[in-house]
Amino acid sequence: MPQVFKCSFCGSPIPPGTGSSFVRRDGRVLRFCSSKCKKSAIDFRRDPRRFKWTEAWKLRQRR
């Protein structure tokens, strides 16, 4: 049974066979559902809590 991962940036589930992985120098694996999430996290180093379309923002607003 293929495993379903969560996107490291937005928190949405990644269906098997889609998305991309990025391995940091320290060995930590980051998984992304789209190039939008990958660019936001790696290239622009954005904070997911500042974007309304991420799960982190939704959790922050519940408080």
Protein backbone atom coordinates (compact mmCIF):
# COMPACT_ATOMS: atom_id res chain seq x y z
CA MET A 1 0.00 0.00 0.00
CA PRO A 2 1.55 3.34 -1.04
CA GLN A 3 2.06 5.84 1.72
CA VAL A 4 0.40 9.27 1.66
CA PHE A 5 2.65 12.07 2.92
CA LYS A 6 1.83 15.62 3.99
CA CYS A 7 3.33 18.61 2.23
CA SER A 8 6.12 20.17 4.31
CA PHE A 9 4.91 23.68 3.48
CA CYS A 10 1.13 23.76 3.14
CA GLY A 11 0.22 20.56 5.01
CA SER A 12 -2.06 19.09 2.33
CA PRO A 13 -1.92 15.34 1.61
CA ILE A 14 0.24 14.26 -1.34
CA PRO A 15 -1.28 11.42 -3.39
CA PRO A 16 1.09 8.55 -4.33
CA GLY A 17 3.07 9.22 -7.51
CA THR A 18 2.82 13.01 -7.29
CA GLY A 19 4.82 15.79 -5.66
CA SER A 20 8.56 16.10 -5.17
CA SER A 21 11.11 15.50 -2.43
CA PHE A 22 14.04 17.64 -1.33
CA VAL A 23 16.80 16.31 0.93
CA ARG A 24 18.58 18.90 3.05
CA ARG A 25 22.27 18.67 3.92
CA ASP A 26 21.43 17.46 7.41
CA GLY A 27 19.49 14.51 5.94
CA ARG A 28 15.98 15.78 6.64
CA VAL A 29 13.53 15.05 3.81
CA LEU A 30 11.07 17.76 2.79
CA ARG A 31 8.13 16.69 0.63
CA PHE A 32 6.14 19.15 -1.46
CA CYS A 33 2.80 18.81 -3.26
CA SER A 34 3.53 21.48 -5.90
CA SER A 35 6.26 23.71 -7.28
CA LYS A 36 4.45 26.61 -5.58
CA CYS A 37 5.14 25.07 -2.17
CA LYS A 38 8.71 24.07 -3.07
CA LYS A 39 9.63 27.57 -4.29
CA SER A 40 7.98 29.22 -1.29
CA ALA A 41 9.86 27.05 1.21
CA ILE A 42 13.28 26.68 -0.40
CA ASP A 43 13.85 29.58 -2.79
CA PHE A 44 12.00 32.34 -0.95
CA ARG A 45 12.22 30.91 2.62
CA ARG A 46 8.68 31.99 3.39
CA ASP A 47 6.86 31.32 6.64
CA PRO A 48 3.78 29.12 6.02
CA ARG A 49 1.94 30.81 8.90
CA ARG A 50 1.65 33.99 6.81
CA PHE A 51 -0.32 32.47 3.89
CA LYS A 52 -4.05 31.82 4.06
CA TRP A 53 -3.92 28.71 1.86
CA THR A 54 -1.70 26.76 4.30
CA GLU A 55 -2.73 24.55 7.19
CA ALA A 56 -0.34 26.41 9.51
CA TRP A 57 -2.26 29.67 8.94
CA LYS A 58 -5.57 27.96 9.62
CA LEU A 59 -4.26 26.48 12.89
CA ARG A 60 -2.93 29.88 13.94
CA GLN A 61 -6.29 31.57 13.28
CA ARG A 62 -8.20 29.06 15.43
CA ARG A 63 -6.58 30.33 18.61
